Amino acid sequence: MAYDREMAAVTEVEVEFYGVPRQRAGVERVKLVFSTSTVVATDVVSALRRRFPDLQNDCLEGGWLHPSCAANVDGVAFISDPGTRLSCGQTLLLMSADAGG
C-alpha cells in the first residue's frame, strides 16, 4: 500500500458533553475531523462554536471555555490550557465545572 500524505494529515477528536454543555449542544457526543495532524484544544472549541452556536450561552467565552465549564482529556486529565495538543482518537469531555452530586 502506498503512503498517502492526505490520510496522514487527518486528526479525529471525539467530544462528549455533560451537564449544561450537553443541554446547549443538544447531543451527547460528536466526532470532529480536522484536516491537519496538529490539533489543539482551542481548535476543537472553535469547531464546536461553529457547529453548536448555542454553546456560546454559558459554555464558551473568548475562544475558550466559560469559567463555569471544564475540559478533560480521555477521562484522565483536566486541562485549562487552550493550547493543549490533542492526538487522533482522543476524547475531549466538556462538562459543567460544578457537576457532581
Protein backbone atom coordinates (compact mmCIF):
# COMPACT_ATOMS: atom_id res chain seq x y z
CA MET A 1 0.00 0.00 0.00
CA ALA A 2 1.36 3.40 -0.98
CA TYR A 3 1.85 6.11 1.60
CA ASP A 4 -0.88 8.73 1.26
CA ARG A 5 0.05 12.15 2.63
CA GLU A 6 -3.56 13.29 2.74
CA MET A 7 -4.50 10.38 5.01
CA ALA A 8 -1.66 11.27 7.39
CA ALA A 9 -2.92 14.85 7.74
CA VAL A 10 -6.28 13.99 9.31
CA THR A 11 -6.99 14.13 13.05
CA GLU A 12 -10.25 12.87 14.56
CA VAL A 13 -11.27 14.04 18.03
CA GLU A 14 -14.45 12.96 19.76
CA VAL A 15 -16.20 15.37 22.11
CA GLU A 16 -18.54 14.22 24.88
CA PHE A 17 -20.88 16.73 26.50
CA TYR A 18 -22.10 16.63 30.12
CA GLY A 19 -24.41 18.92 32.09
CA VAL A 20 -25.06 22.38 30.64
CA PRO A 21 -22.81 21.82 27.59
CA ARG A 22 -24.95 18.78 26.67
CA GLN A 23 -28.11 20.84 27.06
CA ARG A 24 -26.74 23.62 24.82
CA ALA A 25 -25.30 21.26 22.17
CA GLY A 26 -28.39 19.06 22.15
CA VAL A 27 -26.30 15.91 21.68
CA GLU A 28 -24.28 13.57 23.90
CA ARG A 29 -21.22 13.40 21.64
CA VAL A 30 -19.81 14.46 18.30
CA LYS A 31 -16.79 13.39 16.25
CA LEU A 32 -14.78 16.22 14.71
CA VAL A 33 -12.39 15.68 11.81
CA PHE A 34 -9.56 18.13 11.20
CA SER A 35 -7.54 18.19 8.00
CA THR A 36 -4.27 18.64 9.87
CA SER A 37 -2.05 16.48 12.04
CA THR A 38 -1.71 19.18 14.72
CA VAL A 39 -4.84 19.97 16.72
CA VAL A 40 -5.03 21.92 19.97
CA ALA A 41 -7.95 22.27 22.35
CA THR A 42 -8.82 25.75 21.07
CA ASP A 43 -9.23 24.30 17.54
CA VAL A 44 -11.83 21.93 18.95
CA VAL A 45 -13.61 24.76 20.77
CA SER A 46 -13.67 26.86 17.58
CA ALA A 47 -15.19 23.97 15.63
CA LEU A 48 -17.78 23.45 18.36
CA ARG A 49 -18.66 27.14 18.35
CA ARG A 50 -19.39 26.95 14.60
CA ARG A 51 -21.32 23.68 14.80
CA PHE A 52 -23.28 24.41 18.00
CA PRO A 53 -23.90 28.17 18.30
CA ASP A 54 -25.93 27.68 21.49
CA LEU A 55 -22.72 26.73 23.32
CA GLN A 56 -21.96 30.46 23.32
CA ASN A 57 -24.63 30.72 26.01
CA ASP A 58 -22.98 29.76 29.30
CA CYS A 59 -20.30 27.40 27.90
CA LEU A 60 -17.80 29.26 25.69
CA GLU A 61 -16.15 32.61 26.22
CA GLY A 62 -13.45 34.44 24.27
CA GLY A 63 -12.11 31.46 22.33
CA TRP A 64 -12.07 29.11 25.29
CA LEU A 65 -14.38 27.76 27.96
CA HIS A 66 -16.59 29.87 30.17
CA PRO A 67 -15.39 29.66 33.81
CA SER A 68 -18.46 27.55 34.64
CA CYS A 69 -17.20 24.74 32.37
CA ALA A 70 -14.30 22.30 32.49
CA ALA A 71 -12.47 20.18 29.93
CA ASN A 72 -10.93 16.75 30.42
CA VAL A 73 -8.92 14.61 28.01
CA ASP A 74 -9.80 10.92 27.83
CA GLY A 75 -11.35 10.99 31.31
CA VAL A 76 -7.83 11.19 32.74
CA ALA A 77 -6.62 14.79 32.91
CA PHE A 78 -8.41 18.10 33.31
CA ILE A 79 -6.96 20.84 31.12
CA SER A 80 -7.03 24.62 31.37
CA ASP A 81 -4.57 25.47 28.59
CA PRO A 82 -6.29 26.14 25.23
CA GLY A 83 -3.00 25.19 23.56
CA THR A 84 -3.12 21.60 24.85
CA ARG A 85 -2.35 19.27 21.93
CA LEU A 86 -4.85 16.54 21.13
CA SER A 87 -3.96 13.40 19.23
CA CYS A 88 -6.05 11.49 16.76
CA GLY A 89 -8.50 9.26 18.60
CA GLN A 90 -8.54 11.23 21.82
CA THR A 91 -11.77 12.31 23.51
CA LEU A 92 -12.36 15.76 24.96
CA LEU A 93 -15.03 15.85 27.65
CA LEU A 94 -16.82 19.17 28.19
CA MET A 95 -18.78 19.49 31.41
CA SER A 96 -20.20 21.91 33.90
CA ALA A 97 -17.46 22.74 36.41
CA ASP A 98 -19.91 22.33 39.27
CA ALA A 99 -21.07 18.88 38.16
CA GLY A 100 -21.37 16.37 40.92
CA GLY A 101 -23.85 15.02 43.27
